[in-house]
Protein backbone atom coordinates (compact mmCIF):
# COMPACT_ATOMS: atom_id res chain seq x y z
CA UNK A 1 -101.47 78.95 74.04
CA UNK A 2 -104.62 80.99 74.75
CA UNK A 3 -104.16 84.29 76.58
CA UNK A 4 -107.05 85.84 78.48
CA UNK A 5 -107.62 89.18 80.18
CA UNK A 6 -105.40 89.44 83.23
CA UNK A 7 -102.85 86.84 82.11
CA UNK A 8 -99.17 87.74 82.16
CA UNK A 9 -97.73 87.81 78.65
CA UNK A 10 -94.86 85.29 78.39
CA UNK A 11 -91.43 86.81 77.72
CA UNK A 12 -90.84 85.46 74.22
CA UNK A 13 -89.23 86.65 71.01
CA UNK A 14 -91.55 88.37 68.54
CA UNK A 15 -90.91 90.64 65.56
CA UNK A 16 -91.75 94.32 65.22
CA UNK A 17 -91.34 96.48 62.16
CA UNK A 18 -88.12 98.45 62.11
CA UNK A 19 -86.93 101.01 59.55
CA UNK A 20 -85.39 98.28 57.40
CA UNK A 21 -87.89 95.47 58.02
CA UNK A 22 -88.87 93.06 60.80
CA UNK A 23 -86.68 93.15 63.93
CA UNK A 24 -86.65 90.49 66.69
CA UNK A 25 -87.52 91.82 70.17
CA UNK A 26 -88.56 90.30 73.52
CA UNK A 27 -92.11 90.88 74.72
CA UNK A 28 -90.77 91.81 78.14
CA UNK A 29 -88.86 94.69 76.53
CA UNK A 30 -91.63 96.15 74.37
CA UNK A 31 -94.81 95.51 76.36
CA UNK A 32 -93.70 96.94 79.69
CA UNK A 33 -95.68 96.36 82.87
CA UNK A 34 -98.97 98.19 82.18
CA UNK A 35 -102.01 97.27 80.15
CA UNK A 36 -101.37 96.49 76.49
CA UNK A 37 -103.31 95.45 73.44
CA UNK A 38 -101.50 92.70 71.59
CA UNK A 39 -102.78 91.45 68.26
CA UNK A 40 -101.23 89.22 65.67
CA UNK A 41 -102.10 88.40 62.09
CA UNK A 42 -101.02 85.44 59.98
CA UNK A 43 -99.52 87.63 57.26
CA UNK A 44 -97.73 90.21 59.37
CA UNK A 45 -95.60 92.66 57.38
CA UNK A 46 -97.25 91.66 54.09
CA UNK A 47 -99.03 94.17 51.85
CA UNK A 48 -102.41 92.60 52.67
CA UNK A 49 -101.85 92.98 56.39
CA UNK A 50 -100.73 96.58 56.01
CA UNK A 51 -103.70 97.50 53.79
CA UNK A 52 -106.50 95.36 55.26
CA UNK A 53 -105.85 94.18 58.84
CA UNK A 54 -103.83 96.91 60.55
CA UNK A 55 -105.76 100.04 59.44
CA UNK A 56 -108.86 99.02 61.43
CA UNK A 57 -106.83 98.90 64.64
CA UNK A 58 -105.27 102.28 63.89
CA UNK A 59 -108.65 103.85 63.05
CA UNK A 60 -110.21 102.50 66.26
CA UNK A 61 -107.21 103.26 68.52
CA UNK A 62 -109.06 105.92 70.55
CA UNK A 63 -112.02 103.58 71.15
CA UNK A 64 -109.72 100.73 72.22
CA UNK A 65 -107.77 103.06 74.52
CA UNK A 66 -111.00 104.34 76.08
CA UNK A 67 -111.78 100.77 77.17
CA UNK A 68 -108.68 100.82 79.35
């Protein structure tokens, strides 16, 4: 299901990283009601994702936030 700017994020179960590994959460609980940046990768929580995909988002966090 494509999501575009301005769409409401469906309240579905996703996984976030907890202290002991992936934890199921509902999007309605973790995304709140404001603007959010949601990205997903095919190998979430794998070493490749942690070393290759995620660092770019962390390094560019200020630039992304500046865009609103």
